[in-house]
N, C-alpha and C. Protein backbone atom coordinates (compact mmCIF):
# COMPACT_ATOMS: atom_id res chain seq x y z
N MET A 1 -17.23 -2.06 -2.03
CA MET A 1 -16.12 -1.58 -1.59
C MET A 1 -15.89 0.09 -2.08
N PRO A 2 -15.59 0.76 -0.97
CA PRO A 2 -15.40 2.01 -1.37
C PRO A 2 -14.42 2.28 -2.32
N LYS A 3 -14.65 3.58 -3.03
CA LYS A 3 -13.65 4.10 -4.04
C LYS A 3 -12.81 5.14 -3.27
N VAL A 4 -11.79 5.20 -3.74
CA VAL A 4 -10.73 6.36 -3.06
C VAL A 4 -9.88 7.12 -4.34
N SER A 5 -9.91 8.30 -4.41
CA SER A 5 -9.18 8.91 -5.43
C SER A 5 -8.11 9.55 -4.72
N LEU A 6 -7.00 9.71 -5.40
CA LEU A 6 -5.78 10.35 -4.79
C LEU A 6 -4.78 10.86 -6.15
N ASP A 7 -3.87 11.91 -5.71
CA ASP A 7 -3.10 12.37 -6.36
C ASP A 7 -1.83 11.63 -6.30
N MET A 8 -0.89 11.37 -7.26
CA MET A 8 0.26 10.75 -6.98
C MET A 8 1.41 11.12 -8.01
N PRO A 9 2.57 11.43 -7.63
CA PRO A 9 3.47 11.76 -8.55
C PRO A 9 3.90 10.75 -9.69
N MET A 10 3.96 11.21 -11.09
CA MET A 10 3.96 10.14 -12.19
C MET A 10 4.96 9.32 -12.10
N GLU A 11 6.19 9.58 -11.26
CA GLU A 11 7.51 8.85 -11.29
C GLU A 11 6.98 7.78 -10.26
N ILE A 12 6.35 7.99 -9.32
CA ILE A 12 5.76 6.73 -8.33
C ILE A 12 5.01 5.90 -9.19
N LEU A 13 4.07 6.37 -9.81
CA LEU A 13 3.09 5.67 -10.67
C LEU A 13 3.84 4.61 -11.75
N ASP A 14 4.66 5.30 -12.36
CA ASP A 14 5.56 4.69 -13.22
C ASP A 14 6.30 3.47 -12.71
N ASP A 15 6.87 3.63 -11.50
CA ASP A 15 7.64 2.70 -10.76
C ASP A 15 6.71 1.50 -10.33
N LEU A 16 5.40 2.20 -9.75
CA LEU A 16 4.57 0.98 -9.57
C LEU A 16 3.93 0.19 -10.66
N LYS A 17 3.61 0.57 -11.72
CA LYS A 17 3.38 -0.22 -12.86
C LYS A 17 4.28 -1.13 -13.47
N LEU A 18 5.61 -0.98 -12.84
CA LEU A 18 6.76 -1.92 -13.32
C LEU A 18 6.39 -3.32 -12.51
N HIS A 19 5.49 -3.37 -11.48
CA HIS A 19 5.32 -4.34 -10.82
C HIS A 19 3.87 -4.89 -10.88
N VAL A 20 3.19 -4.48 -12.04
CA VAL A 20 1.73 -4.81 -12.28
C VAL A 20 1.75 -5.39 -13.61
N GLY A 21 0.99 -6.67 -13.63
CA GLY A 21 0.55 -7.20 -14.82
C GLY A 21 0.80 -8.81 -14.81
N ASP A 22 0.65 -9.34 -15.99
CA ASP A 22 0.74 -10.87 -15.93
C ASP A 22 2.13 -11.26 -15.53
N ASP A 23 2.24 -12.48 -14.77
CA ASP A 23 3.73 -12.73 -14.36
C ASP A 23 4.35 -11.66 -13.48
N ARG A 24 3.62 -10.66 -12.78
CA ARG A 24 4.17 -9.85 -11.96
C ARG A 24 3.78 -9.90 -10.67
N LYS A 25 4.05 -9.21 -9.76
CA LYS A 25 3.53 -9.36 -8.19
C LYS A 25 2.00 -9.03 -8.00
N PHE A 26 1.68 -7.96 -8.74
CA PHE A 26 0.25 -7.57 -8.55
C PHE A 26 -0.58 -7.50 -9.84
N VAL A 27 -1.84 -7.74 -9.62
CA VAL A 27 -2.73 -7.97 -10.80
C VAL A 27 -3.13 -6.68 -11.37
N SER A 28 -3.13 -5.48 -10.31
CA SER A 28 -3.52 -4.20 -11.00
C SER A 28 -2.94 -3.02 -9.92
N VAL A 29 -3.08 -1.96 -10.53
CA VAL A 29 -2.48 -0.79 -9.74
C VAL A 29 -3.27 -0.84 -8.27
N ALA A 30 -4.53 -0.83 -8.51
CA ALA A 30 -5.41 -0.93 -7.11
C ALA A 30 -4.93 -1.88 -6.07
N ASP A 31 -4.53 -3.04 -6.70
CA ASP A 31 -4.07 -4.07 -5.66
C ASP A 31 -2.78 -3.83 -5.08
N ALA A 32 -1.98 -3.28 -5.92
CA ALA A 32 -0.63 -2.88 -5.40
C ALA A 32 -0.71 -1.71 -4.35
N ILE A 33 -1.70 -0.79 -4.65
CA ILE A 33 -1.77 0.17 -3.60
C ILE A 33 -2.40 -0.36 -2.17
N ARG A 34 -3.63 -1.18 -2.40
CA ARG A 34 -4.12 -1.86 -1.18
C ARG A 34 -3.20 -2.65 -0.45
N THR A 35 -2.23 -3.32 -1.21
CA THR A 35 -1.02 -4.16 -0.66
C THR A 35 -0.31 -3.22 0.26
N ALA A 36 0.12 -2.21 -0.30
CA ALA A 36 1.12 -1.20 0.23
C ALA A 36 0.41 -0.65 1.69
N CYS A 37 -0.97 -0.36 1.49
CA CYS A 37 -1.51 0.30 2.73
C CYS A 37 -1.47 -0.68 3.70
N ARG A 38 -1.76 -1.94 3.40
CA ARG A 38 -1.93 -3.09 4.72
C ARG A 38 -0.69 -3.17 5.24
N LYS A 39 0.28 -3.33 4.33
CA LYS A 39 1.81 -3.30 4.83
C LYS A 39 2.17 -2.26 5.85
N MET A 40 1.93 -0.94 5.37
CA MET A 40 2.12 0.21 6.05
C MET A 40 1.41 0.08 7.59
N LEU A 41 0.27 -0.14 7.48
CA LEU A 41 -0.52 -0.35 8.67
C LEU A 41 0.07 -1.23 9.68
N ASP A 42 0.35 -2.58 8.99
CA ASP A 42 1.18 -3.39 9.83
C ASP A 42 2.11 -2.99 10.62
N GLN A 43 2.97 -2.34 9.91
CA GLN A 43 4.36 -1.70 10.42
C GLN A 43 3.97 -0.63 11.46
N LEU A 44 3.13 0.17 11.11
CA LEU A 44 2.68 1.03 12.19
C LEU A 44 1.97 0.56 13.49
N ASP A 45 1.39 -0.63 13.28
CA ASP A 45 0.97 -1.43 14.55
C ASP A 45 2.07 -1.81 15.25
N GLU A 46 3.01 -2.28 14.53
CA GLU A 46 4.36 -3.01 15.24
C GLU A 46 5.04 -1.81 16.11
N ILE A 47 5.15 -0.61 15.28
CA ILE A 47 5.90 0.54 16.05
C ILE A 47 5.20 0.96 17.40
N ASP A 48 3.56 0.76 17.19
CA ASP A 48 2.96 1.28 18.04
C ASP A 48 3.04 0.24 19.56
N ALA A 49 3.04 -0.98 19.20
CA ALA A 49 3.33 -1.94 20.07
C ALA A 49 4.58 -2.04 20.89
N ARG A 50 5.55 -1.66 20.16
CA ARG A 50 6.84 -1.42 20.69
C ARG A 50 7.02 -0.12 21.76
N HIS A 51 6.31 0.97 21.32
CA HIS A 51 6.42 2.08 22.18
C HIS A 51 5.02 1.73 23.23
N GLY A 52 4.46 0.78 23.46
CA GLY A 52 3.50 0.80 24.25
C GLY A 52 2.16 1.40 24.11
N ARG A 53 1.78 1.70 22.90
CA ARG A 53 0.61 2.15 22.39
C ARG A 53 -0.33 1.41 21.76
N GLY A 54 -1.47 1.33 22.36
CA GLY A 54 -2.46 0.41 21.70
C GLY A 54 -3.69 0.93 20.91
N LEU A 55 -4.30 0.42 20.23
CA LEU A 55 -5.58 1.05 19.55
C LEU A 55 -6.67 1.00 20.74
N ASP A 56 -7.42 2.00 20.97
CA ASP A 56 -8.43 1.78 22.07
C ASP A 56 -9.86 1.91 21.18
């Protein structure tokens, strides 16, 4: 799996870490970011479909 590096404001990372760990929604920060990206891409696909734009 390719690795990606990014800069993120500390307040966003701190908020994200509240949802990571045992008995929380995500097992790691990387898992949380992957899930967020997938959800955003799904939402963008839905918006494109409503506007008659498709992926060619």
